[in-house]
């Protein structure tokens, strides 16, 4: 193997490790954002129903 090939493999390995660390954190943040959005939507729906049935 040439020196450039080894360096490329090292870079690919580092990217793989970093993405393995970052992906679960990203998915957790996305899940929390969806939960907050659902809570806001339920509040808006409740307010709309109160206004409609007044």
C-alpha atoms as a PDB file:
ATOM      1  CA  UNK A   1       0.000   0.000   0.000  1.00  0.00           C
ATOM      2  CA  UNK A   2       1.132   3.474  -0.705  1.00  0.00           C
ATOM      3  CA  UNK A   3       1.303   6.200   1.913  1.00  0.00           C
ATOM      4  CA  UNK A   4      -1.697   8.009   0.440  1.00  0.00           C
ATOM      5  CA  UNK A   5      -3.851   4.899   0.738  1.00  0.00           C
ATOM      6  CA  UNK A   6      -3.049   4.524   4.434  1.00  0.00           C
ATOM      7  CA  UNK A   7      -3.826   8.169   5.095  1.00  0.00           C
ATOM      8  CA  UNK A   8      -7.161   7.817   3.297  1.00  0.00           C
ATOM      9  CA  UNK A   9      -8.060   4.787   5.406  1.00  0.00           C
ATOM     10  CA  UNK A  10      -7.181   6.666   8.590  1.00  0.00           C
ATOM     11  CA  UNK A  11      -9.334   9.628   7.552  1.00  0.00           C
ATOM     12  CA  UNK A  12     -12.259   7.322   6.712  1.00  0.00           C
ATOM     13  CA  UNK A  13     -11.884   5.582  10.085  1.00  0.00           C
ATOM     14  CA  UNK A  14     -11.858   8.902  11.939  1.00  0.00           C
ATOM     15  CA  UNK A  15     -14.968  10.088  10.095  1.00  0.00           C
ATOM     16  CA  UNK A  16     -16.693   6.799  10.922  1.00  0.00           C
ATOM     17  CA  UNK A  17     -15.860   7.110  14.619  1.00  0.00           C
ATOM     18  CA  UNK A  18     -17.011  10.728  14.801  1.00  0.00           C
ATOM     19  CA  UNK A  19     -20.266   9.975  13.003  1.00  0.00           C
ATOM     20  CA  UNK A  20     -20.842   7.022  15.334  1.00  0.00           C
ATOM     21  CA  UNK A  21     -20.541   9.356  18.289  1.00  0.00           C
ATOM     22  CA  UNK A  22     -22.609  12.190  16.801  1.00  0.00           C
ATOM     23  CA  UNK A  23     -25.497  10.201  15.290  1.00  0.00           C
ATOM     24  CA  UNK A  24     -27.154   9.064  18.564  1.00  0.00           C
ATOM     25  CA  UNK A  25     -26.927  12.590  19.943  1.00  0.00           C
ATOM     26  CA  UNK A  26     -28.461  14.016  16.774  1.00  0.00           C
ATOM     27  CA  UNK A  27     -31.317  11.490  16.831  1.00  0.00           C
ATOM     28  CA  UNK A  28     -32.000  12.301  20.487  1.00  0.00           C
ATOM     29  CA  UNK A  29     -32.185  16.015  19.726  1.00  0.00           C
ATOM     30  CA  UNK A  30     -34.525  15.405  16.790  1.00  0.00           C
ATOM     31  CA  UNK A  31     -36.793  13.281  18.997  1.00  0.00           C
ATOM     32  CA  UNK A  32     -36.976  15.987  21.655  1.00  0.00           C
ATOM     33  CA  UNK A  33     -37.739  18.619  19.019  1.00  0.00           C
ATOM     34  CA  UNK A  34     -40.627  16.515  17.701  1.00  0.00           C
ATOM     35  CA  UNK A  35     -41.943  16.102  21.239  1.00  0.00           C
ATOM     36  CA  UNK A  36     -41.865  19.864  21.832  1.00  0.00           C
ATOM     37  CA  UNK A  37     -43.560  20.499  18.479  1.00  0.00           C
ATOM     38  CA  UNK A  38     -46.325  18.028  19.355  1.00  0.00           C
ATOM     39  CA  UNK A  39     -46.845  19.702  22.732  1.00  0.00           C
ATOM     40  CA  UNK A  40     -47.130  23.116  21.086  1.00  0.00           C
ATOM     41  CA  UNK A  41     -49.571  21.758  18.505  1.00  0.00           C
ATOM     42  CA  UNK A  42     -51.750  20.238  21.241  1.00  0.00           C
ATOM     43  CA  UNK A  43     -51.813  23.577  23.068  1.00  0.00           C
ATOM     44  CA  UNK A  44     -52.827  25.378  19.888  1.00  0.00           C
ATOM     45  CA  UNK A  45     -55.543  22.806  19.234  1.00  0.00           C
ATOM     46  CA  UNK A  46     -56.871  23.246  22.761  1.00  0.00           C
ATOM     47  CA  UNK A  47     -56.980  27.028  22.386  1.00  0.00           C
ATOM     48  CA  UNK A  48     -58.725  26.723  19.022  1.00  0.00           C
ATOM     49  CA  UNK A  49     -61.366  24.420  20.475  1.00  0.00           C
ATOM     50  CA  UNK A  50     -61.996  26.777  23.378  1.00  0.00           C
ATOM     51  CA  UNK A  51     -62.477  29.690  20.965  1.00  0.00           C
ATOM     52  CA  UNK A  52     -64.748  27.647  18.681  1.00  0.00           C
ATOM     53  CA  UNK A  53     -67.030  26.375  21.473  1.00  0.00           C
ATOM     54  CA  UNK A  54     -67.405  29.741  23.260  1.00  0.00           C
END
